[in-house]
């Protein structure tokens, strides 16, 4: 069965209009089109200054998925938007630290989302 990455976009009124992109499944090659499309949908909706990537339902992230995240981070940085991540396991928090993704996104506790 091929891996899949699915997304859902919503605006979190309780978080000051933050756009939340909920990721489900595996963030790998299947994220190449869906994650940038979800980001575009998120920023087109109410022009939020902050986009939260919710990883609670992500089973796996590989190097291709990291590359897709880097491309979304680069786009957000060019647009002067803040990207945050929630729901990362300790393993993926460590991966985000050693790959220096944490230098370009805020990693938040689930309670602060």
N, C-alpha and C. Protein backbone atom coordinates (compact mmCIF):
# COMPACT_ATOMS: atom_id res chain seq x y z
N UNK A 1 0.84 -1.18 0.00
CA UNK A 1 0.00 0.00 0.00
C UNK A 1 0.89 1.24 0.00
N UNK A 2 0.66 2.20 -0.91
CA UNK A 2 1.49 3.40 -0.95
C UNK A 2 1.23 4.27 0.27
N UNK A 3 2.28 4.97 0.68
CA UNK A 3 2.13 5.88 1.81
C UNK A 3 1.32 7.09 1.39
N UNK A 4 0.68 7.69 2.37
CA UNK A 4 -0.13 8.86 2.07
C UNK A 4 0.04 9.91 3.15
N UNK A 5 -0.02 11.13 2.72
CA UNK A 5 -0.06 12.27 3.62
C UNK A 5 -1.35 13.01 3.29
N UNK A 6 -2.17 13.19 4.30
CA UNK A 6 -3.40 13.94 4.11
C UNK A 6 -3.37 15.15 5.00
N UNK A 7 -4.10 16.19 4.59
CA UNK A 7 -4.13 17.42 5.36
C UNK A 7 -5.56 17.92 5.51
N UNK A 8 -5.76 18.69 6.55
CA UNK A 8 -7.02 19.39 6.76
C UNK A 8 -6.66 20.77 7.29
N UNK A 9 -7.31 21.79 6.77
CA UNK A 9 -7.00 23.17 7.15
C UNK A 9 -8.21 23.77 7.86
N UNK A 10 -7.92 24.46 8.97
CA UNK A 10 -8.97 25.19 9.68
C UNK A 10 -8.35 26.43 10.30
N UNK A 11 -9.20 27.40 10.60
CA UNK A 11 -8.77 28.59 11.31
C UNK A 11 -9.17 28.43 12.76
N UNK A 12 -8.22 28.58 13.66
CA UNK A 12 -8.47 28.41 15.09
C UNK A 12 -8.78 29.76 15.71
N UNK A 13 -10.05 30.05 15.84
CA UNK A 13 -10.46 31.33 16.41
C UNK A 13 -9.92 31.52 17.82
N UNK A 14 -9.82 30.41 18.57
CA UNK A 14 -9.34 30.49 19.94
C UNK A 14 -7.85 30.83 20.00
N UNK A 15 -7.15 30.77 18.89
CA UNK A 15 -5.73 31.08 18.84
C UNK A 15 -5.46 32.34 18.02
N UNK A 16 -6.38 33.26 18.06
CA UNK A 16 -6.17 34.52 17.37
C UNK A 16 -6.17 34.43 15.87
N UNK A 17 -6.87 33.46 15.31
CA UNK A 17 -6.95 33.35 13.87
C UNK A 17 -5.81 32.56 13.25
N UNK A 18 -5.08 31.82 14.04
CA UNK A 18 -4.01 30.97 13.51
C UNK A 18 -4.61 29.93 12.57
N UNK A 19 -3.97 29.74 11.44
CA UNK A 19 -4.37 28.68 10.53
C UNK A 19 -3.71 27.39 10.99
N UNK A 20 -4.50 26.34 11.13
CA UNK A 20 -4.00 25.05 11.58
C UNK A 20 -4.07 24.06 10.41
N UNK A 21 -2.93 23.47 10.09
CA UNK A 21 -2.87 22.43 9.08
C UNK A 21 -2.63 21.12 9.82
N UNK A 22 -3.66 20.27 9.86
CA UNK A 22 -3.54 18.98 10.50
C UNK A 22 -3.04 17.97 9.48
N UNK A 23 -1.93 17.34 9.81
CA UNK A 23 -1.32 16.34 8.93
C UNK A 23 -1.66 14.96 9.47
N UNK A 24 -1.94 14.05 8.55
CA UNK A 24 -2.28 12.68 8.90
C UNK A 24 -1.49 11.72 8.01
N UNK A 25 -1.04 10.62 8.60
CA UNK A 25 -0.36 9.60 7.82
C UNK A 25 1.14 9.75 7.84
N UNK A 26 1.75 9.71 6.68
CA UNK A 26 3.20 9.76 6.55
C UNK A 26 3.62 11.00 5.78
N UNK A 27 4.55 11.75 6.36
CA UNK A 27 5.09 12.93 5.68
C UNK A 27 6.34 12.44 4.95
N UNK A 28 6.12 12.15 3.68
CA UNK A 28 7.18 11.61 2.82
C UNK A 28 6.96 12.16 1.42
N UNK A 29 7.29 11.41 0.41
CA UNK A 29 7.10 11.88 -0.97
C UNK A 29 5.66 12.23 -1.28
N UNK A 30 4.73 11.59 -0.59
CA UNK A 30 3.31 11.88 -0.83
C UNK A 30 2.92 13.28 -0.35
N UNK A 31 3.79 13.93 0.42
CA UNK A 31 3.50 15.28 0.92
C UNK A 31 3.92 16.37 -0.07
N UNK A 32 4.62 16.00 -1.13
CA UNK A 32 5.15 16.99 -2.08
C UNK A 32 4.10 17.93 -2.64
N UNK A 33 2.92 17.44 -2.88
CA UNK A 33 1.88 18.31 -3.42
C UNK A 33 0.87 18.73 -2.36
N UNK A 34 0.55 17.81 -1.43
CA UNK A 34 -0.52 18.12 -0.47
C UNK A 34 -0.12 19.14 0.58
N UNK A 35 1.14 19.09 1.06
CA UNK A 35 1.53 20.05 2.09
C UNK A 35 1.64 21.48 1.55
N UNK A 36 2.30 21.71 0.42
CA UNK A 36 2.30 23.07 -0.13
C UNK A 36 0.89 23.57 -0.47
N UNK A 37 0.02 22.68 -0.95
CA UNK A 37 -1.36 23.08 -1.25
C UNK A 37 -2.11 23.44 0.03
N UNK A 38 -1.90 22.68 1.09
CA UNK A 38 -2.55 23.00 2.37
C UNK A 38 -2.03 24.32 2.93
N UNK A 39 -0.74 24.56 2.80
CA UNK A 39 -0.17 25.84 3.24
C UNK A 39 -0.81 26.99 2.46
N UNK A 40 -0.91 26.84 1.15
CA UNK A 40 -1.52 27.88 0.32
C UNK A 40 -2.97 28.12 0.72
N UNK A 41 -3.71 27.05 0.98
CA UNK A 41 -5.09 27.19 1.44
C UNK A 41 -5.14 27.90 2.79
N UNK A 42 -4.23 27.55 3.67
CA UNK A 42 -4.21 28.15 5.01
C UNK A 42 -3.96 29.65 4.96
N UNK A 43 -3.03 30.07 4.13
CA UNK A 43 -2.71 31.50 4.10
C UNK A 43 -3.70 32.29 3.26
N UNK A 44 -4.42 31.63 2.38
CA UNK A 44 -5.44 32.31 1.58
C UNK A 44 -6.69 32.57 2.42
N UNK A 45 -6.85 31.79 3.47
CA UNK A 45 -8.01 31.91 4.33
C UNK A 45 -7.70 32.90 5.44
N UNK A 46 -8.25 34.08 5.35
CA UNK A 46 -8.13 35.07 6.42
C UNK A 46 -6.71 35.60 6.61
N UNK A 47 -5.82 35.36 5.68
CA UNK A 47 -4.45 35.86 5.72
C UNK A 47 -3.81 35.81 7.11
N UNK A 48 -3.73 34.64 7.71
CA UNK A 48 -3.12 34.57 9.04
C UNK A 48 -1.62 34.83 8.99
N UNK A 49 -1.10 35.39 10.04
CA UNK A 49 0.34 35.59 10.13
C UNK A 49 1.05 34.36 10.65
N UNK A 50 0.28 33.43 11.22
CA UNK A 50 0.86 32.23 11.83
C UNK A 50 0.16 30.99 11.30
N UNK A 51 0.95 29.99 10.94
CA UNK A 51 0.41 28.71 10.49
C UNK A 51 0.97 27.64 11.43
N UNK A 52 0.09 26.86 12.01
CA UNK A 52 0.47 25.78 12.92
C UNK A 52 0.34 24.45 12.19
N UNK A 53 1.42 23.70 12.12
CA UNK A 53 1.41 22.36 11.55
C UNK A 53 1.18 21.38 12.70
N UNK A 54 0.08 20.66 12.65
CA UNK A 54 -0.29 19.73 13.71
C UNK A 54 0.12 18.32 13.31
N UNK A 55 1.12 17.78 14.01
CA UNK A 55 1.68 16.47 13.69
C UNK A 55 1.12 15.35 14.57
N UNK A 56 0.09 15.60 15.34
CA UNK A 56 -0.45 14.59 16.26
C UNK A 56 -0.79 13.27 15.57
N UNK A 57 -1.28 13.32 14.35
CA UNK A 57 -1.71 12.10 13.65
C UNK A 57 -0.73 11.63 12.59
N UNK A 58 0.52 12.08 12.70
CA UNK A 58 1.55 11.67 11.75
C UNK A 58 2.25 10.43 12.30
N UNK A 59 2.34 9.41 11.45
CA UNK A 59 2.97 8.15 11.84
C UNK A 59 4.47 8.12 11.55
N UNK A 60 4.89 8.88 10.54
CA UNK A 60 6.26 8.74 10.06
C UNK A 60 6.63 9.99 9.26
N UNK A 61 7.88 10.42 9.40
CA UNK A 61 8.44 11.52 8.60
C UNK A 61 9.79 11.04 8.10
N UNK A 62 10.01 11.13 6.78
CA UNK A 62 11.33 10.73 6.27
C UNK A 62 12.06 11.95 5.70
N UNK A 63 13.22 11.72 5.11
CA UNK A 63 14.04 12.84 4.62
C UNK A 63 13.34 13.62 3.51
N UNK A 64 12.56 12.96 2.68
CA UNK A 64 11.81 13.67 1.64
C UNK A 64 10.75 14.56 2.29
N UNK A 65 10.11 14.06 3.33
CA UNK A 65 9.14 14.87 4.07
C UNK A 65 9.80 16.08 4.71
N UNK A 66 11.01 15.90 5.25
CA UNK A 66 11.76 17.02 5.83
C UNK A 66 12.04 18.06 4.74
N UNK A 67 12.41 17.60 3.55
CA UNK A 67 12.67 18.52 2.44
C UNK A 67 11.42 19.31 2.06
N UNK A 68 10.27 18.65 2.08
CA UNK A 68 9.01 19.35 1.79
C UNK A 68 8.75 20.40 2.87
N UNK A 69 8.98 20.05 4.12
CA UNK A 69 8.81 21.01 5.22
C UNK A 69 9.74 22.20 5.04
N UNK A 70 10.98 21.95 4.64
CA UNK A 70 11.94 23.04 4.41
C UNK A 70 11.43 23.98 3.32
N UNK A 71 10.86 23.43 2.26
CA UNK A 71 10.36 24.29 1.18
C UNK A 71 9.18 25.14 1.66
N UNK A 72 8.32 24.58 2.49
CA UNK A 72 7.20 25.35 3.05
C UNK A 72 7.73 26.42 4.00
N UNK A 73 8.73 26.08 4.80
CA UNK A 73 9.33 27.06 5.71
C UNK A 73 9.97 28.21 4.93
N UNK A 74 10.63 27.90 3.83
CA UNK A 74 11.25 28.94 3.00
C UNK A 74 10.19 29.88 2.44
N UNK A 75 9.11 29.31 1.97
CA UNK A 75 8.01 30.13 1.44
C UNK A 75 7.43 31.02 2.53
N UNK A 76 7.19 30.45 3.70
CA UNK A 76 6.64 31.22 4.81
C UNK A 76 7.59 32.35 5.22
N UNK A 77 8.85 32.03 5.26
CA UNK A 77 9.84 33.06 5.64
C UNK A 77 9.83 34.21 4.63
N UNK A 78 9.76 33.88 3.34
CA UNK A 78 9.71 34.91 2.30
C UNK A 78 8.46 35.78 2.44
N UNK A 79 7.38 35.17 2.93
CA UNK A 79 6.12 35.89 3.12
C UNK A 79 5.99 36.50 4.51
N UNK A 80 7.04 36.37 5.31
CA UNK A 80 7.08 36.89 6.68
C UNK A 80 5.97 36.30 7.56
N UNK A 81 5.77 35.02 7.42
CA UNK A 81 4.80 34.30 8.25
C UNK A 81 5.54 33.42 9.24
N UNK A 82 4.90 33.18 10.34
CA UNK A 82 5.45 32.30 11.37
C UNK A 82 4.87 30.91 11.20
N UNK A 83 5.74 29.91 11.26
CA UNK A 83 5.31 28.52 11.23
C UNK A 83 5.61 27.92 12.60
N UNK A 84 4.65 27.19 13.12
CA UNK A 84 4.83 26.48 14.38
C UNK A 84 4.46 25.02 14.15
N UNK A 85 4.99 24.16 15.01
CA UNK A 85 4.70 22.72 14.94
C UNK A 85 4.23 22.26 16.30
N UNK A 86 3.20 21.42 16.30
CA UNK A 86 2.68 20.83 17.53
C UNK A 86 2.51 19.34 17.32
N UNK A 87 2.52 18.61 18.43
CA UNK A 87 2.24 17.18 18.35
C UNK A 87 3.40 16.32 17.92
N UNK A 88 4.61 16.86 17.98
CA UNK A 88 5.77 16.05 17.61
C UNK A 88 6.14 15.11 18.74
N UNK A 89 6.45 13.89 18.40
CA UNK A 89 6.96 12.95 19.41
C UNK A 89 8.35 13.40 19.81
N UNK A 90 8.86 12.86 20.90
CA UNK A 90 10.23 13.18 21.32
C UNK A 90 11.23 12.85 20.23
N UNK A 91 11.01 11.75 19.52
CA UNK A 91 11.90 11.36 18.42
C UNK A 91 11.94 12.44 17.35
N UNK A 92 10.77 12.91 16.92
CA UNK A 92 10.75 13.91 15.86
C UNK A 92 11.17 15.29 16.37
N UNK A 93 10.96 15.59 17.64
CA UNK A 93 11.52 16.82 18.21
C UNK A 93 13.04 16.79 18.08
N UNK A 94 13.62 15.63 18.37
CA UNK A 94 15.07 15.47 18.25
C UNK A 94 15.51 15.63 16.79
N UNK A 95 14.80 14.99 15.87
CA UNK A 95 15.12 15.12 14.45
C UNK A 95 15.03 16.58 14.00
N UNK A 96 13.98 17.28 14.42
CA UNK A 96 13.82 18.69 14.05
C UNK A 96 14.94 19.53 14.65
N UNK A 97 15.47 19.14 15.80
CA UNK A 97 16.58 19.85 16.41
C UNK A 97 17.87 19.62 15.66
N UNK A 98 18.19 18.35 15.35
CA UNK A 98 19.47 18.08 14.68
C UNK A 98 19.48 18.55 13.23
N UNK A 99 18.30 18.65 12.61
CA UNK A 99 18.24 19.17 11.23
C UNK A 99 18.09 20.69 11.22
N UNK A 100 18.00 21.28 12.41
CA UNK A 100 17.89 22.73 12.61
C UNK A 100 16.56 23.31 12.12
N UNK A 101 15.56 22.48 11.92
CA UNK A 101 14.23 23.00 11.60
C UNK A 101 13.72 23.89 12.73
N UNK A 102 14.11 23.58 13.96
CA UNK A 102 13.65 24.38 15.10
C UNK A 102 14.19 25.81 15.07
N UNK A 103 15.21 26.06 14.24
CA UNK A 103 15.72 27.42 14.08
C UNK A 103 14.76 28.27 13.25
N UNK A 104 13.86 27.62 12.52
CA UNK A 104 12.98 28.34 11.60
C UNK A 104 11.50 28.16 11.91
N UNK A 105 11.20 27.37 12.94
CA UNK A 105 9.80 27.19 13.35
C UNK A 105 9.76 27.04 14.86
N UNK A 106 8.66 27.45 15.40
CA UNK A 106 8.43 27.29 16.84
C UNK A 106 7.84 25.90 17.07
N UNK A 107 8.40 25.16 17.99
CA UNK A 107 7.82 23.87 18.38
C UNK A 107 7.08 24.11 19.69
N UNK A 108 5.78 23.91 19.64
CA UNK A 108 4.94 24.25 20.79
C UNK A 108 4.41 23.00 21.47
N UNK A 109 4.11 23.16 22.73
CA UNK A 109 3.46 22.13 23.50
C UNK A 109 2.00 22.04 23.04
N UNK A 110 1.44 20.84 22.99
CA UNK A 110 0.05 20.71 22.55
C UNK A 110 -0.93 21.61 23.31
N UNK A 111 -0.63 21.90 24.57
CA UNK A 111 -1.54 22.73 25.37
C UNK A 111 -1.57 24.17 24.89
N UNK A 112 -0.55 24.60 24.11
CA UNK A 112 -0.49 25.99 23.67
C UNK A 112 -1.04 26.19 22.27
N UNK A 113 -1.56 25.14 21.67
CA UNK A 113 -2.05 25.26 20.31
C UNK A 113 -3.43 25.85 20.35
